[in-house]
Amino acid sequence: QVQLGESGGGLVQAGGSLKLSCAASGYTFSNYHMGWFRQAPGKEREFVAGISSGGVYTSYADSVKGRFTISRDNARNTVYLQMNSLKPEDTGVYYCATRPSYSRQIEKASYKYPYWGQGTQVTVSS
């Protein structure tokens, strides 16, 4: 079965950096798009970044463009999220998610991703 496991979260000061990882297993990783989402307390889960199955296409939320970078290593079945210039409003639980790559489109709607990890907490202090 599909399994996703996030790691790399933690507490960081504003302006700092963190790199999240998501290890995948149980399916053919290179045939699936990957996405990172986050959820702050009292808010809905929101799209952060996505990457196509082959790693050629990426998409970012406007709030993180220029600060976050998504990448993947299909040989290691792992997707990454490099987060720089972190802000307190980046605080939340970060989830990785995956969906089959039926098309090149990187979906931003969470309901279009059938498989999710358990999440990792990121806290940015001011």
PDB file of N, CA and C in Angstrom:
ATOM      1  N   GLN A   1       0.828  -1.183   0.000  1.00  0.00           N
ATOM      2  CA  GLN A   1       0.000   0.000   0.000  1.00  0.00           C
ATOM      3  C   GLN A   1       0.874   1.249   0.000  1.00  0.00           C
ATOM      4  N   VAL A   2       0.287   2.345  -0.447  1.00  0.00           N
ATOM      5  CA  VAL A   2       1.017   3.602  -0.511  1.00  0.00           C
ATOM      6  C   VAL A   2       1.304   4.111   0.900  1.00  0.00           C
ATOM      7  N   GLN A   3       2.564   4.446   1.130  1.00  0.00           N
ATOM      8  CA  GLN A   3       2.956   5.021   2.410  1.00  0.00           C
ATOM      9  C   GLN A   3       3.839   6.241   2.163  1.00  0.00           C
ATOM     10  N   LEU A   4       3.548   7.309   2.896  1.00  0.00           N
ATOM     11  CA  LEU A   4       4.322   8.541   2.812  1.00  0.00           C
ATOM     12  C   LEU A   4       4.733   8.951   4.223  1.00  0.00           C
ATOM     13  N   GLY A   5       5.988   9.314   4.388  1.00  0.00           N
ATOM     14  CA  GLY A   5       6.466   9.701   5.712  1.00  0.00           C
ATOM     15  C   GLY A   5       7.294  10.960   5.653  1.00  0.00           C
ATOM     16  N   GLU A   6       6.787  12.037   6.279  1.00  0.00           N
ATOM     17  CA  GLU A   6       7.492  13.314   6.293  1.00  0.00           C
ATOM     18  C   GLU A   6       8.487  13.380   7.455  1.00  0.00           C
ATOM     19  N   SER A   7       9.531  14.170   7.259  1.00  0.00           N
ATOM     20  CA  SER A   7      10.508  14.436   8.311  1.00  0.00           C
ATOM     21  C   SER A   7      11.152  15.787   8.032  1.00  0.00           C
ATOM     22  N   GLY A   8      11.836  16.308   9.042  1.00  0.00           N
ATOM     23  CA  GLY A   8      12.577  17.549   8.866  1.00  0.00           C
ATOM     24  C   GLY A   8      11.948  18.775   9.475  1.00  0.00           C
ATOM     25  N   GLY A   9      10.757  18.635  10.039  1.00  0.00           N
ATOM     26  CA  GLY A   9      10.118  19.782  10.669  1.00  0.00           C
ATOM     27  C   GLY A   9      10.824  20.161  11.954  1.00  0.00           C
ATOM     28  N   GLY A  10      10.427  21.303  12.510  1.00  0.00           N
ATOM     29  CA  GLY A  10      11.015  21.746  13.763  1.00  0.00           C
ATOM     30  C   GLY A  10      10.714  23.198  14.033  1.00  0.00           C
ATOM     31  N   LEU A  11      11.443  23.737  15.007  1.00  0.00           N
ATOM     32  CA  LEU A  11      11.286  25.133  15.417  1.00  0.00           C
ATOM     33  C   LEU A  11      12.452  25.940  14.843  1.00  0.00           C
ATOM     34  N   VAL A  12      12.143  27.045  14.196  1.00  0.00           N
ATOM     35  CA  VAL A  12      13.176  27.878  13.582  1.00  0.00           C
ATOM     36  C   VAL A  12      12.784  29.342  13.743  1.00  0.00           C
ATOM     37  N   GLN A  13      13.774  30.202  13.814  1.00  0.00           N
ATOM     38  CA  GLN A  13      13.490  31.634  13.907  1.00  0.00           C
ATOM     39  C   GLN A  13      13.146  32.195  12.535  1.00  0.00           C
ATOM     40  N   ALA A  14      12.399  33.283  12.543  1.00  0.00           N
ATOM     41  CA  ALA A  14      12.071  33.962  11.292  1.00  0.00           C
ATOM     42  C   ALA A  14      13.353  34.294  10.528  1.00  0.00           C
ATOM     43  N   GLY A  15      13.309  34.064   9.223  1.00  0.00           N
ATOM     44  CA  GLY A  15      14.479  34.276   8.392  1.00  0.00           C
ATOM     45  C   GLY A  15      15.329  33.030   8.212  1.00  0.00           C
ATOM     46  N   GLY A  16      15.059  32.014   8.981  1.00  0.00           N
ATOM     47  CA  GLY A  16      15.818  30.779   8.909  1.00  0.00           C
ATOM     48  C   GLY A  16      15.331  29.847   7.815  1.00  0.00           C
ATOM     49  N   SER A  17      15.927  28.656   7.798  1.00  0.00           N
ATOM     50  CA  SER A  17      15.632  27.671   6.762  1.00  0.00           C
ATOM     51  C   SER A  17      15.369  26.295   7.362  1.00  0.00           C
ATOM     52  N   LEU A  18      14.589  25.515   6.652  1.00  0.00           N
ATOM     53  CA  LEU A  18      14.355  24.110   6.969  1.00  0.00           C
ATOM     54  C   LEU A  18      14.216  23.360   5.658  1.00  0.00           C
ATOM     55  N   LYS A  19      14.578  22.078   5.685  1.00  0.00           N
ATOM     56  CA  LYS A  19      14.359  21.231   4.516  1.00  0.00           C
ATOM     57  C   LYS A  19      13.537  20.031   4.945  1.00  0.00           C
ATOM     58  N   LEU A  20      12.360  19.907   4.380  1.00  0.00           N
ATOM     59  CA  LEU A  20      11.486  18.781   4.653  1.00  0.00           C
ATOM     60  C   LEU A  20      11.744  17.675   3.641  1.00  0.00           C
ATOM     61  N   SER A  21      11.586  16.449   4.096  1.00  0.00           N
ATOM     62  CA  SER A  21      11.684  15.287   3.217  1.00  0.00           C
ATOM     63  C   SER A  21      10.418  14.458   3.358  1.00  0.00           C
ATOM     64  N   CYS A  22      10.085  13.759   2.295  1.00  0.00           N
ATOM     65  CA  CYS A  22       8.952  12.838   2.318  1.00  0.00           C
ATOM     66  C   CYS A  22       9.382  11.579   1.592  1.00  0.00           C
ATOM     67  N   ALA A  23       9.493  10.494   2.338  1.00  0.00           N
ATOM     68  CA  ALA A  23       9.874   9.210   1.776  1.00  0.00           C
ATOM     69  C   ALA A  23       8.628   8.423   1.406  1.00  0.00           C
ATOM     70  N   ALA A  24       8.627   7.876   0.201  1.00  0.00           N
ATOM     71  CA  ALA A  24       7.463   7.160  -0.308  1.00  0.00           C
ATOM     72  C   ALA A  24       7.781   5.683  -0.512  1.00  0.00           C
ATOM     73  N   SER A  25       6.762   4.861  -0.360  1.00  0.00           N
ATOM     74  CA  SER A  25       6.916   3.437  -0.613  1.00  0.00           C
ATOM     75  C   SER A  25       5.579   2.831  -0.978  1.00  0.00           C
ATOM     76  N   GLY A  26       5.628   1.627  -1.572  1.00  0.00           N
ATOM     77  CA  GLY A  26       4.403   0.907  -1.862  1.00  0.00           C
ATOM     78  C   GLY A  26       3.792   1.169  -3.223  1.00  0.00           C
ATOM     79  N   TYR A  27       4.463   1.960  -4.046  1.00  0.00           N
ATOM     80  CA  TYR A  27       3.955   2.243  -5.389  1.00  0.00           C
ATOM     81  C   TYR A  27       5.115   2.692  -6.272  1.00  0.00           C
ATOM     82  N   THR A  28       4.844   2.861  -7.550  1.00  0.00           N
ATOM     83  CA  THR A  28       5.878   3.302  -8.490  1.00  0.00           C
ATOM     84  C   THR A  28       5.987   4.817  -8.421  1.00  0.00           C
ATOM     85  N   PHE A  29       6.920   5.277  -7.622  1.00  0.00           N
ATOM     86  CA  PHE A  29       7.063   6.689  -7.286  1.00  0.00           C
ATOM     87  C   PHE A  29       7.151   7.570  -8.528  1.00  0.00           C
ATOM     88  N   SER A  30       7.871   7.124  -9.525  1.00  0.00           N
ATOM     89  CA  SER A  30       8.122   7.956 -10.712  1.00  0.00           C
ATOM     90  C   SER A  30       6.889   8.130 -11.598  1.00  0.00           C
ATOM     91  N   ASN A  31       5.805   7.444 -11.271  1.00  0.00           N
ATOM     92  CA  ASN A  31       4.559   7.581 -12.037  1.00  0.00           C
ATOM     93  C   ASN A  31       3.549   8.513 -11.358  1.00  0.00           C
ATOM     94  N   TYR A  32       3.950   9.130 -10.278  1.00  0.00           N
ATOM     95  CA  TYR A  32       3.028   9.930  -9.482  1.00  0.00           C
ATOM     96  C   TYR A  32       3.558  11.353  -9.291  1.00  0.00           C
ATOM     97  N   HIS A  33       2.624  12.313  -9.407  1.00  0.00           N
ATOM     98  CA  HIS A  33       2.937  13.678  -9.007  1.00  0.00           C
ATOM     99  C   HIS A  33       2.985  13.752  -7.489  1.00  0.00           C
ATOM    100  N   MET A  34       3.718  14.740  -6.983  1.00  0.00           N
ATOM    101  CA  MET A  34       3.819  14.935  -5.536  1.00  0.00           C
ATOM    102  C   MET A  34       3.455  16.363  -5.180  1.00  0.00           C
ATOM    103  N   GLY A  35       2.871  16.518  -4.006  1.00  0.00           N
ATOM    104  CA  GLY A  35       2.518  17.851  -3.540  1.00  0.00           C
ATOM    105  C   GLY A  35       2.842  18.019  -2.075  1.00  0.00           C
ATOM    106  N   TRP A  36       3.109  19.265  -1.697  1.00  0.00           N
ATOM    107  CA  TRP A  36       3.236  19.637  -0.284  1.00  0.00           C
ATOM    108  C   TRP A  36       2.074  20.579   0.056  1.00  0.00           C
ATOM    109  N   PHE A  37       1.447  20.311   1.174  1.00  0.00           N
ATOM    110  CA  PHE A  37       0.367  21.137   1.685  1.00  0.00           C
ATOM    111  C   PHE A  37       0.693  21.501   3.126  1.00  0.00           C
ATOM    112  N   ARG A  38       0.008  22.496   3.650  1.00  0.00           N
ATOM    113  CA  ARG A  38       0.189  22.854   5.054  1.00  0.00           C
ATOM    114  C   ARG A  38      -1.150  23.268   5.639  1.00  0.00           C
ATOM    115  N   GLN A  39      -1.213  23.124   6.961  1.00  0.00           N
ATOM    116  CA  GLN A  39      -2.424  23.513   7.670  1.00  0.00           C
ATOM    117  C   GLN A  39      -2.037  24.201   8.975  1.00  0.00           C
ATOM    118  N   ALA A  40      -2.460  25.447   9.095  1.00  0.00           N
ATOM    119  CA  ALA A  40      -2.239  26.203  10.329  1.00  0.00           C
ATOM    120  C   ALA A  40      -3.446  26.008  11.235  1.00  0.00           C
ATOM    121  N   PRO A  41      -3.262  26.200  12.540  1.00  0.00           N
ATOM    122  CA  PRO A  41      -4.385  26.031  13.471  1.00  0.00           C
ATOM    123  C   PRO A  41      -5.564  26.911  13.082  1.00  0.00           C
ATOM    124  N   GLY A  42      -6.746  26.307  13.008  1.00  0.00           N
ATOM    125  CA  GLY A  42      -7.949  27.048  12.694  1.00  0.00           C
ATOM    126  C   GLY A  42      -8.132  27.407  11.247  1.00  0.00           C
ATOM    127  N   LYS A  43      -7.233  26.929  10.390  1.00  0.00           N
ATOM    128  CA  LYS A  43      -7.319  27.253   8.963  1.00  0.00           C
ATOM    129  C   LYS A  43      -7.447  25.977   8.141  1.00  0.00           C
ATOM    130  N   GLU A  44      -7.878  26.155   6.907  1.00  0.00           N
ATOM    131  CA  GLU A  44      -7.988  25.010   6.014  1.00  0.00           C
ATOM    132  C   GLU A  44      -6.612  24.612   5.479  1.00  0.00           C
ATOM    133  N   ARG A  45      -6.518  23.377   5.082  1.00  0.00           N
ATOM    134  CA  ARG A  45      -5.289  22.899   4.466  1.00  0.00           C
ATOM    135  C   ARG A  45      -5.096  23.605   3.131  1.00  0.00           C
ATOM    136  N   GLU A  46      -3.861  24.055   2.872  1.00  0.00           N
ATOM    137  CA  GLU A  46      -3.607  24.794   1.640  1.00  0.00           C
ATOM    138  C   GLU A  46      -2.428  24.228   0.877  1.00  0.00           C
ATOM    139  N   PHE A  47      -2.497  24.382  -0.429  1.00  0.00           N
ATOM    140  CA  PHE A  47      -1.426  23.953  -1.315  1.00  0.00           C
ATOM    141  C   PHE A  47      -0.200  24.830  -1.107  1.00  0.00           C
ATOM    142  N   VAL A  48       0.976  24.193  -1.086  1.00  0.00           N
ATOM    143  CA  VAL A  48       2.234  24.920  -0.951  1.00  0.00           C
ATOM    144  C   VAL A  48       3.052  24.811  -2.237  1.00  0.00           C
ATOM    145  N   ALA A  49       3.267  23.556  -2.680  1.00  0.00           N
ATOM    146  CA  ALA A  49       4.081  23.335  -3.874  1.00  0.00           C
ATOM    147  C   ALA A  49       3.776  21.956  -4.438  1.00  0.00           C
ATOM    148  N   GLY A  50       4.011  21.804  -5.742  1.00  0.00           N
ATOM    149  CA  GLY A  50       3.810  20.518  -6.378  1.00  0.00           C
ATOM    150  C   GLY A  50       4.872  20.286  -7.436  1.00  0.00           C
ATOM    151  N   ILE A  51       5.100  19.015  -7.739  1.00  0.00           N
ATOM    152  CA  ILE A  51       6.098  18.663  -8.733  1.00  0.00           C
ATOM    153  C   ILE A  51       5.589  17.480  -9.546  1.00  0.00           C
ATOM    154  N   SER A  52       5.859  17.530 -10.838  1.00  0.00           N
ATOM    155  CA  SER A  52       5.390  16.465 -11.715  1.00  0.00           C
ATOM    156  C   SER A  52       6.182  15.181 -11.491  1.00  0.00           C
ATOM    157  N   SER A  53       5.682  14.107 -12.043  1.00  0.00           N
ATOM    158  CA  SER A  53       6.261  12.786 -11.795  1.00  0.00           C
ATOM    159  C   SER A  53       7.741  12.710 -12.192  1.00  0.00           C
ATOM    160  N   GLY A  54       8.095  13.367 -13.289  1.00  0.00           N
ATOM    161  CA  GLY A  54       9.473  13.338 -13.749  1.00  0.00           C
ATOM    162  C   GLY A  54      10.318  14.465 -13.211  1.00  0.00           C
ATOM    163  N   GLY A  55       9.707  15.352 -12.460  1.00  0.00           N
ATOM    164  CA  GLY A  55      10.431  16.461 -11.864  1.00  0.00           C
ATOM    165  C   GLY A  55      10.617  17.668 -12.769  1.00  0.00           C
ATOM    166  N   VAL A  56      10.007  17.641 -13.951  1.00  0.00           N
ATOM    167  CA  VAL A  56      10.214  18.736 -14.913  1.00  0.00           C
ATOM    168  C   VAL A  56       9.368  19.963 -14.562  1.00  0.00           C
ATOM    169  N   TYR A  57       8.143  19.721 -14.140  1.00  0.00           N
ATOM    170  CA  TYR A  57       7.216  20.833 -13.886  1.00  0.00           C
ATOM    171  C   TYR A  57       7.004  21.014 -12.391  1.00  0.00           C
ATOM    172  N   THR A  58       6.961  22.276 -11.964  1.00  0.00           N
ATOM    173  CA  THR A  58       6.694  22.604 -10.577  1.00  0.00           C
ATOM    174  C   THR A  58       5.644  23.704 -10.509  1.00  0.00           C
ATOM    175  N   SER A  59       5.025  23.806  -9.356  1.00  0.00           N
ATOM    176  CA  SER A  59       4.030  24.844  -9.125  1.00  0.00           C
ATOM    177  C   SER A  59       4.122  25.257  -7.660  1.00  0.00           C
ATOM    178  N   TYR A  60       3.909  26.565  -7.411  1.00  0.00           N
ATOM    179  CA  TYR A  60       4.029  27.079  -6.051  1.00  0.00           C
ATOM    180  C   TYR A  60       2.854  27.994  -5.715  1.00  0.00           C
ATOM    181  N   ALA A  61       2.499  28.014  -4.457  1.00  0.00           N
ATOM    182  CA  ALA A  61       1.559  29.021  -3.974  1.00  0.00           C
ATOM    183  C   ALA A  61       2.259  30.378  -4.038  1.00  0.00           C
ATOM    184  N   ASP A  62       1.485  31.419  -4.311  1.00  0.00           N
ATOM    185  CA  ASP A  62       2.078  32.756  -4.405  1.00  0.00           C
ATOM    186  C   ASP A  62       2.819  33.149  -3.131  1.00  0.00           C
ATOM    187  N   SER A  63       2.315  32.678  -2.002  1.00  0.00           N
ATOM    188  CA  SER A  63       2.889  33.072  -0.712  1.00  0.00           C
ATOM    189  C   SER A  63       4.286  32.512  -0.478  1.00  0.00           C
ATOM    190  N   VAL A  64       4.689  31.502  -1.244  1.00  0.00           N
ATOM    191  CA  VAL A  64       6.005  30.890  -1.015  1.00  0.00           C
ATOM    192  C   VAL A  64       6.940  31.019  -2.209  1.00  0.00           C
ATOM    193  N   LYS A  65       6.451  31.576  -3.314  1.00  0.00           N
ATOM    194  CA  LYS A  65       7.291  31.708  -4.503  1.00  0.00           C
ATOM    195  C   LYS A  65       8.542  32.512  -4.184  1.00  0.00           C
ATOM    196  N   GLY A  66       9.683  32.003  -4.647  1.00  0.00           N
ATOM    197  CA  GLY A  66      10.955  32.679  -4.414  1.00  0.00           C
ATOM    198  C   GLY A  66      11.604  32.324  -3.092  1.00  0.00           C
ATOM    199  N   ARG A  67      10.861  31.649  -2.226  1.00  0.00           N
ATOM    200  CA  ARG A  67      11.411  31.250  -0.910  1.00  0.00           C
ATOM    201  C   ARG A  67      11.509  29.744  -0.763  1.00  0.00           C
ATOM    202  N   PHE A  68      10.546  29.017  -1.325  1.00  0.00           N
ATOM    203  CA  PHE A  68      10.510  27.558  -1.199  1.00  0.00           C
ATOM    204  C   PHE A  68      10.864  26.923  -2.540  1.00  0.00           C
ATOM    205  N   THR A  69      11.491  25.750  -2.461  1.00  0.00           N
ATOM    206  CA  THR A  69      11.815  24.983  -3.665  1.00  0.00           C
ATOM    207  C   THR A  69      11.457  23.521  -3.442  1.00  0.00           C
ATOM    208  N   ILE A  70      10.659  22.996  -4.355  1.00  0.00           N
ATOM    209  CA  ILE A  70      10.315  21.577  -4.297  1.00  0.00           C
ATOM    210  C   ILE A  70      11.203  20.821  -5.275  1.00  0.00           C
ATOM    211  N   SER A  71      11.620  19.627  -4.879  1.00  0.00           N
ATOM    212  CA  SER A  71      12.429  18.784  -5.753  1.00  0.00           C
ATOM    213  C   SER A  71      12.139  17.336  -5.417  1.00  0.00           C
ATOM    214  N   ARG A  72      12.604  16.442  -6.262  1.00  0.00           N
ATOM    215  CA  ARG A  72      12.384  15.023  -6.008  1.00  0.00           C
ATOM    216  C   ARG A  72      13.574  14.233  -6.522  1.00  0.00           C
ATOM    217  N   ASP A  73      13.769  13.083  -5.897  1.00  0.00           N
ATOM    218  CA  ASP A  73      14.807  12.133  -6.304  1.00  0.00           C
ATOM    219  C   ASP A  73      14.098  10.813  -6.544  1.00  0.00           C
ATOM    220  N   ASN A  74      13.843  10.512  -7.795  1.00  0.00           N
ATOM    221  CA  ASN A  74      13.085   9.300  -8.107  1.00  0.00           C
ATOM    222  C   ASN A  74      13.878   8.022  -7.816  1.00  0.00           C
ATOM    223  N   ALA A  75      15.178   8.124  -7.742  1.00  0.00           N
ATOM    224  CA  ALA A  75      15.986   6.955  -7.392  1.00  0.00           C
ATOM    225  C   ALA A  75      15.858   6.627  -5.901  1.00  0.00           C
ATOM    226  N   ARG A  76      15.558   7.658  -5.105  1.00  0.00           N
ATOM    227  CA  ARG A  76      15.430   7.473  -3.659  1.00  0.00           C
ATOM    228  C   ARG A  76      13.978   7.505  -3.186  1.00  0.00           C
ATOM    229  N   ASN A  77      13.031   7.645  -4.138  1.00  0.00           N
ATOM    230  CA  ASN A  77      11.601   7.699  -3.799  1.00  0.00           C
ATOM    231  C   ASN A  77      11.318   8.767  -2.742  1.00  0.00           C
ATOM    232  N   THR A  78      11.907   9.921  -2.941  1.00  0.00           N
ATOM    233  CA  THR A  78      11.808  10.986  -1.946  1.00  0.00           C
ATOM    234  C   THR A  78      11.541  12.327  -2.622  1.00  0.00           C
ATOM    235  N   VAL A  79      10.677  13.108  -1.989  1.00  0.00           N
ATOM    236  CA  VAL A  79      10.428  14.474  -2.419  1.00  0.00           C
ATOM    237  C   VAL A  79      10.857  15.406  -1.291  1.00  0.00           C
ATOM    238  N   TYR A  80      11.351  16.580  -1.680  1.00  0.00           N
ATOM    239  CA  TYR A  80      11.894  17.526  -0.710  1.00  0.00           C
ATOM    240  C   TYR A  80      11.188  18.881  -0.829  1.00  0.00           C
ATOM    241  N   LEU A  81      11.234  19.615   0.261  1.00  0.00           N
ATOM    242  CA  LEU A  81      10.778  21.001   0.240  1.00  0.00           C
ATOM    243  C   LEU A  81      11.813  21.831   0.993  1.00  0.00           C
ATOM    244  N   GLN A  82      12.590  22.589   0.242  1.00  0.00           N
ATOM    245  CA  GLN A  82      13.552  23.497   0.844  1.00  0.00           C
ATOM    246  C   GLN A  82      12.852  24.811   1.129  1.00  0.00           C
ATOM    247  N   MET A  83      12.870  25.218   2.391  1.00  0.00           N
ATOM    248  CA  MET A  83      12.159  26.421   2.807  1.00  0.00           C
ATOM    249  C   MET A  83      13.163  27.428   3.348  1.00  0.00           C
ATOM    250  N   ASN A  84      13.276  28.546   2.676  1.00  0.00           N
ATOM    251  CA  ASN A  84      14.183  29.614   3.081  1.00  0.00           C
ATOM    252  C   ASN A  84      13.392  30.864   3.461  1.00  0.00           C
ATOM    253  N   SER A  85      14.055  31.775   4.141  1.00  0.00           N
ATOM    254  CA  SER A  85      13.434  33.049   4.540  1.00  0.00           C
ATOM    255  C   SER A  85      12.083  32.815   5.199  1.00  0.00           C
ATOM    256  N   LEU A  86      12.068  31.894   6.126  1.00  0.00           N
ATOM    257  CA  LEU A  86      10.808  31.510   6.759  1.00  0.00           C
ATOM    258  C   LEU A  86      10.198  32.663   7.549  1.00  0.00           C
ATOM    259  N   LYS A  87       8.864  32.684   7.535  1.00  0.00           N
ATOM    260  CA  LYS A  87       8.100  33.714   8.225  1.00  0.00           C
ATOM    261  C   LYS A  87       7.183  33.047   9.251  1.00  0.00           C
ATOM    262  N   PRO A  88       6.779  33.785  10.281  1.00  0.00           N
ATOM    263  CA  PRO A  88       5.852  33.187  11.259  1.00  0.00           C
ATOM    264  C   PRO A  88       4.581  32.631  10.610  1.00  0.00           C
ATOM    265  N   GLU A  89       4.119  33.261   9.544  1.00  0.00           N
ATOM    266  CA  GLU A  89       2.911  32.777   8.881  1.00  0.00           C
ATOM    267  C   GLU A  89       3.125  31.465   8.110  1.00  0.00           C
ATOM    268  N   ASP A  90       4.356  30.979   8.059  1.00  0.00           N
ATOM    269  CA  ASP A  90       4.621  29.664   7.468  1.00  0.00           C
ATOM    270  C   ASP A  90       4.397  28.538   8.478  1.00  0.00           C
ATOM    271  N   THR A  91       4.117  28.893   9.709  1.00  0.00           N
ATOM    272  CA  THR A  91       3.880  27.903  10.764  1.00  0.00           C
ATOM    273  C   THR A  91       2.679  27.034  10.433  1.00  0.00           C
ATOM    274  N   GLY A  92       2.834  25.732  10.666  1.00  0.00           N
ATOM    275  CA  GLY A  92       1.741  24.799  10.454  1.00  0.00           C
ATOM    276  C   GLY A  92       2.246  23.374  10.359  1.00  0.00           C
ATOM    277  N   VAL A  93       1.313  22.469  10.163  1.00  0.00           N
ATOM    278  CA  VAL A  93       1.669  21.079   9.906  1.00  0.00           C
ATOM    279  C   VAL A  93       1.793  20.919   8.392  1.00  0.00           C
ATOM    280  N   TYR A  94       2.938  20.400   7.963  1.00  0.00           N
ATOM    281  CA  TYR A  94       3.205  20.220   6.543  1.00  0.00           C
ATOM    282  C   TYR A  94       3.008  18.756   6.168  1.00  0.00           C
ATOM    283  N   TYR A  95       2.237  18.560   5.109  1.00  0.00           N
ATOM    284  CA  TYR A  95       1.915  17.220   4.634  1.00  0.00           C
ATOM    285  C   TYR A  95       2.419  17.030   3.212  1.00  0.00           C
ATOM    286  N   CYS A  96       2.916  15.837   2.918  1.00  0.00           N
ATOM    287  CA  CYS A  96       3.136  15.504   1.521  1.00  0.00           C
ATOM    288  C   CYS A  96       1.978  14.623   1.057  1.00  0.00           C
ATOM    289  N   ALA A  97       1.711  14.691  -0.219  1.00  0.00           N
ATOM    290  CA  ALA A  97       0.606  13.954  -0.802  1.00  0.00           C
ATOM    291  C   ALA A  97       0.977  13.534  -2.219  1.00  0.00           C
ATOM    292  N   THR A  98       0.284  12.524  -2.713  1.00  0.00           N
ATOM    293  CA  THR A  98       0.608  12.032  -4.042  1.00  0.00           C
ATOM    294  C   THR A  98      -0.644  11.635  -4.807  1.00  0.00           C
ATOM    295  N   ARG A  99      -0.542  11.745  -6.141  1.00  0.00           N
ATOM    296  CA  ARG A  99      -1.632  11.333  -7.013  1.00  0.00           C
ATOM    297  C   ARG A  99      -1.029  10.818  -8.300  1.00  0.00           C
ATOM    298  N   PRO A 100      -1.705   9.896  -8.963  1.00  0.00           N
ATOM    299  CA  PRO A 100      -1.184   9.378 -10.232  1.00  0.00           C
ATOM    300  C   PRO A 100      -1.060  10.489 -11.255  1.00  0.00           C
ATOM    301  N   SER A 101      -0.071  10.383 -12.126  1.00  0.00           N
ATOM    302  CA  SER A 101       0.193  11.428 -13.118  1.00  0.00           C
ATOM    303  C   SER A 101      -0.596  11.175 -14.394  1.00  0.00           C
ATOM    304  N   TYR A 102      -1.927  11.373 -14.345  1.00  0.00           N
ATOM    305  CA  TYR A 102      -2.761  11.193 -15.526  1.00  0.00           C
ATOM    306  C   TYR A 102      -2.458  12.236 -16.589  1.00  0.00           C
ATOM    307  N   SER A 103      -2.016  13.403 -16.143  1.00  0.00           N
ATOM    308  CA  SER A 103      -1.680  14.478 -17.071  1.00  0.00           C
ATOM    309  C   SER A 103      -0.540  15.276 -16.467  1.00  0.00           C
ATOM    310  N   ARG A 104      -0.069  16.293 -17.219  1.00  0.00           N
ATOM    311  CA  ARG A 104       1.028  17.122 -16.706  1.00  0.00           C
ATOM    312  C   ARG A 104       0.550  18.090 -15.625  1.00  0.00           C
ATOM    313  N   GLN A 105      -0.758  18.261 -15.534  1.00  0.00           N
ATOM    314  CA  GLN A 105      -1.330  19.243 -14.627  1.00  0.00           C
ATOM    315  C   GLN A 105      -0.951  18.935 -13.181  1.00  0.00           C
ATOM    316  N   ILE A 106      -0.437  19.949 -12.492  1.00  0.00           N
ATOM    317  CA  ILE A 106      -0.150  19.809 -11.065  1.00  0.00           C
ATOM    318  C   ILE A 106      -1.340  20.390 -10.319  1.00  0.00           C
ATOM    319  N   GLU A 107      -2.100  19.533  -9.693  1.00  0.00           N
ATOM    320  CA  GLU A 107      -3.329  19.957  -9.029  1.00  0.00           C
ATOM    321  C   GLU A 107      -3.026  20.666  -7.713  1.00  0.00           C
ATOM    322  N   LYS A 108      -3.814  21.694  -7.422  1.00  0.00           N
ATOM    323  CA  LYS A 108      -3.649  22.427  -6.169  1.00  0.00           C
ATOM    324  C   LYS A 108      -4.752  22.118  -5.165  1.00  0.00           C
ATOM    325  N   ALA A 109      -5.770  21.404  -5.600  1.00  0.00           N
ATOM    326  CA  ALA A 109      -6.877  21.069  -4.706  1.00  0.00           C
ATOM    327  C   ALA A 109      -6.532  19.823  -3.911  1.00  0.00           C
ATOM    328  N   SER A 110      -6.652  19.896  -2.610  1.00  0.00           N
ATOM    329  CA  SER A 110      -6.235  18.784  -1.766  1.00  0.00           C
ATOM    330  C   SER A 110      -7.065  17.522  -2.020  1.00  0.00           C
ATOM    331  N   TYR A 111      -8.344  17.699  -2.401  1.00  0.00           N
ATOM    332  CA  TYR A 111      -9.191  16.522  -2.574  1.00  0.00           C
ATOM    333  C   TYR A 111      -8.776  15.682  -3.770  1.00  0.00           C
ATOM    334  N   LYS A 112      -7.934  16.225  -4.620  1.00  0.00           N
ATOM    335  CA  LYS A 112      -7.473  15.478  -5.798  1.00  0.00           C
ATOM    336  C   LYS A 112      -6.282  14.582  -5.483  1.00  0.00           C
ATOM    337  N   TYR A 113      -5.820  14.621  -4.255  1.00  0.00           N
ATOM    338  CA  TYR A 113      -4.710  13.773  -3.836  1.00  0.00           C
ATOM    339  C   TYR A 113      -5.256  12.666  -2.935  1.00  0.00           C
ATOM    340  N   PRO A 114      -5.217  11.433  -3.352  1.00  0.00           N
ATOM    341  CA  PRO A 114      -5.799  10.355  -2.553  1.00  0.00           C
ATOM    342  C   PRO A 114      -4.914   9.830  -1.423  1.00  0.00           C
ATOM    343  N   TYR A 115      -3.625  10.127  -1.490  1.00  0.00           N
ATOM    344  CA  TYR A 115      -2.699   9.558  -0.511  1.00  0.00           C
ATOM    345  C   TYR A 115      -1.942  10.660   0.209  1.00  0.00           C
ATOM    346  N   TRP A 116      -1.843  10.513   1.547  1.00  0.00           N
ATOM    347  CA  TRP A 116      -1.264  11.544   2.392  1.00  0.00           C
ATOM    348  C   TRP A 116      -0.338  10.952   3.435  1.00  0.00           C
ATOM    349  N   GLY A 117       0.659  11.756   3.810  1.00  0.00           N
ATOM    350  CA  GLY A 117       1.483  11.400   4.953  1.00  0.00           C
ATOM    351  C   GLY A 117       0.843  11.888   6.235  1.00  0.00           C
ATOM    352  N   GLN A 118       1.537  11.648   7.361  1.00  0.00           N
ATOM    353  CA  GLN A 118       0.980  11.988   8.671  1.00  0.00           C
ATOM    354  C   GLN A 118       1.272  13.427   9.063  1.00  0.00           C
ATOM    355  N   GLY A 119       2.189  14.074   8.347  1.00  0.00           N
ATOM    356  CA  GLY A 119       2.493  15.474   8.609  1.00  0.00           C
ATOM    357  C   GLY A 119       3.678  15.670   9.532  1.00  0.00           C
ATOM    358  N   THR A 120       4.308  16.844   9.398  1.00  0.00           N
ATOM    359  CA  THR A 120       5.407  17.232  10.272  1.00  0.00           C
ATOM    360  C   THR A 120       5.225  18.701  10.647  1.00  0.00           C
ATOM    361  N   GLN A 121       5.436  19.005  11.912  1.00  0.00           N
ATOM    362  CA  GLN A 121       5.180  20.353  12.419  1.00  0.00           C
ATOM    363  C   GLN A 121       6.346  21.287  12.085  1.00  0.00           C
ATOM    364  N   VAL A 122       5.997  22.456  11.560  1.00  0.00           N
ATOM    365  CA  VAL A 122       6.965  23.527  11.343  1.00  0.00           C
ATOM    366  C   VAL A 122       6.496  24.740  12.137  1.00  0.00           C
ATOM    367  N   THR A 123       7.359  25.236  12.997  1.00  0.00           N
ATOM    368  CA  THR A 123       7.030  26.404  13.792  1.00  0.00           C
ATOM    369  C   THR A 123       8.094  27.472  13.571  1.00  0.00           C
ATOM    370  N   VAL A 124       7.655  28.654  13.154  1.00  0.00           N
ATOM    371  CA  VAL A 124       8.570  29.757  12.894  1.00  0.00           C
ATOM    372  C   VAL A 124       8.289  30.841  13.932  1.00  0.00           C
ATOM    373  N   SER A 125       9.289  31.123  14.739  1.00  0.00           N
ATOM    374  CA  SER A 125       9.121  32.135  15.787  1.00  0.00           C
ATOM    375  C   SER A 125       9.564  33.499  15.279  1.00  0.00           C
ATOM    376  N   SER A 126       8.909  34.520  15.796  1.00  0.00           N
ATOM    377  CA  SER A 126       9.231  35.895  15.355  1.00  0.00           C
ATOM    378  C   SER A 126      10.329  36.517  16.197  1.00  0.00           C
TER     379      SER A 126
END
